[in-house]
Amino acid sequence: MASHDHAAGSGMDYPEHERTYERFVGLVKWGTIAIVALLVVMALTLI
């Protein structure tokens, strides 16, 4: 069975992984806010 011990020489760059994850979460958050804002503007101006 494969070992999942992350501390023993896994070669992962955890600080870079965490920065990438934070950027992804920020992109999803702001993308969602932008889409909701666009839908609100469209609802107000197209009706």
C-alpha atoms as a PDB file:
ATOM      1  CA  MET A   1       0.000   0.000   0.000  1.00  0.00           C
ATOM      2  CA  ALA A   2       1.277   3.483  -0.772  1.00  0.00           C
ATOM      3  CA  SER A   3       2.512   5.673   2.034  1.00  0.00           C
ATOM      4  CA  HIS A   4       0.903   9.102   2.375  1.00  0.00           C
ATOM      5  CA  ASP A   5       3.453  10.543   4.793  1.00  0.00           C
ATOM      6  CA  HIS A   6       3.807  14.130   3.576  1.00  0.00           C
ATOM      7  CA  ALA A   7       6.645  15.010   5.924  1.00  0.00           C
ATOM      8  CA  ALA A   8       9.130  12.418   4.633  1.00  0.00           C
ATOM      9  CA  GLY A   9      10.689  13.814   1.463  1.00  0.00           C
ATOM     10  CA  SER A  10       7.562  14.284  -0.604  1.00  0.00           C
ATOM     11  CA  GLY A  11       9.126  17.066  -2.660  1.00  0.00           C
ATOM     12  CA  MET A  12       6.002  19.218  -2.385  1.00  0.00           C
ATOM     13  CA  ASP A  13       6.425  22.997  -2.228  1.00  0.00           C
ATOM     14  CA  TYR A  14       3.738  23.666   0.377  1.00  0.00           C
ATOM     15  CA  PRO A  15       4.136  27.472   0.562  1.00  0.00           C
ATOM     16  CA  GLU A  16       3.660  27.679  -3.225  1.00  0.00           C
ATOM     17  CA  HIS A  17       0.703  25.298  -3.012  1.00  0.00           C
ATOM     18  CA  GLU A  18      -0.900  27.479  -0.348  1.00  0.00           C
ATOM     19  CA  ARG A  19      -0.344  30.658  -2.407  1.00  0.00           C
ATOM     20  CA  THR A  20      -1.895  29.004  -5.450  1.00  0.00           C
ATOM     21  CA  TYR A  21      -4.868  27.850  -3.394  1.00  0.00           C
ATOM     22  CA  GLU A  22      -5.385  31.337  -1.939  1.00  0.00           C
ATOM     23  CA  ARG A  23      -5.275  32.852  -5.441  1.00  0.00           C
ATOM     24  CA  PHE A  24      -7.796  30.289  -6.678  1.00  0.00           C
ATOM     25  CA  VAL A  25     -10.157  30.988  -3.775  1.00  0.00           C
ATOM     26  CA  GLY A  26      -9.834  34.737  -4.385  1.00  0.00           C
ATOM     27  CA  LEU A  27     -10.533  34.303  -8.085  1.00  0.00           C
ATOM     28  CA  VAL A  28     -13.627  32.227  -7.378  1.00  0.00           C
ATOM     29  CA  LYS A  29     -14.844  34.735  -4.769  1.00  0.00           C
ATOM     30  CA  TRP A  30     -14.382  37.815  -6.949  1.00  0.00           C
ATOM     31  CA  GLY A  31     -15.636  36.019 -10.050  1.00  0.00           C
ATOM     32  CA  THR A  32     -18.827  35.094  -8.223  1.00  0.00           C
ATOM     33  CA  ILE A  33     -19.267  38.665  -6.970  1.00  0.00           C
ATOM     34  CA  ALA A  34     -18.758  40.008 -10.509  1.00  0.00           C
ATOM     35  CA  ILE A  35     -21.289  37.598 -12.026  1.00  0.00           C
ATOM     36  CA  VAL A  36     -23.875  38.393  -9.345  1.00  0.00           C
ATOM     37  CA  ALA A  37     -23.335  42.123  -9.888  1.00  0.00           C
ATOM     38  CA  LEU A  38     -23.709  41.678 -13.643  1.00  0.00           C
ATOM     39  CA  LEU A  39     -26.938  39.726 -13.177  1.00  0.00           C
ATOM     40  CA  VAL A  40     -28.331  42.420 -10.858  1.00  0.00           C
ATOM     41  CA  VAL A  41     -27.477  45.165 -13.347  1.00  0.00           C
ATOM     42  CA  MET A  42     -29.035  43.163 -16.183  1.00  0.00           C
ATOM     43  CA  ALA A  43     -32.182  42.514 -14.122  1.00  0.00           C
ATOM     44  CA  LEU A  44     -32.556  46.204 -13.319  1.00  0.00           C
ATOM     45  CA  THR A  45     -31.903  47.532 -16.809  1.00  0.00           C
ATOM     46  CA  LEU A  46     -33.493  44.900 -19.039  1.00  0.00           C
ATOM     47  CA  ILE A  47     -36.911  44.686 -17.365  1.00  0.00           C
END
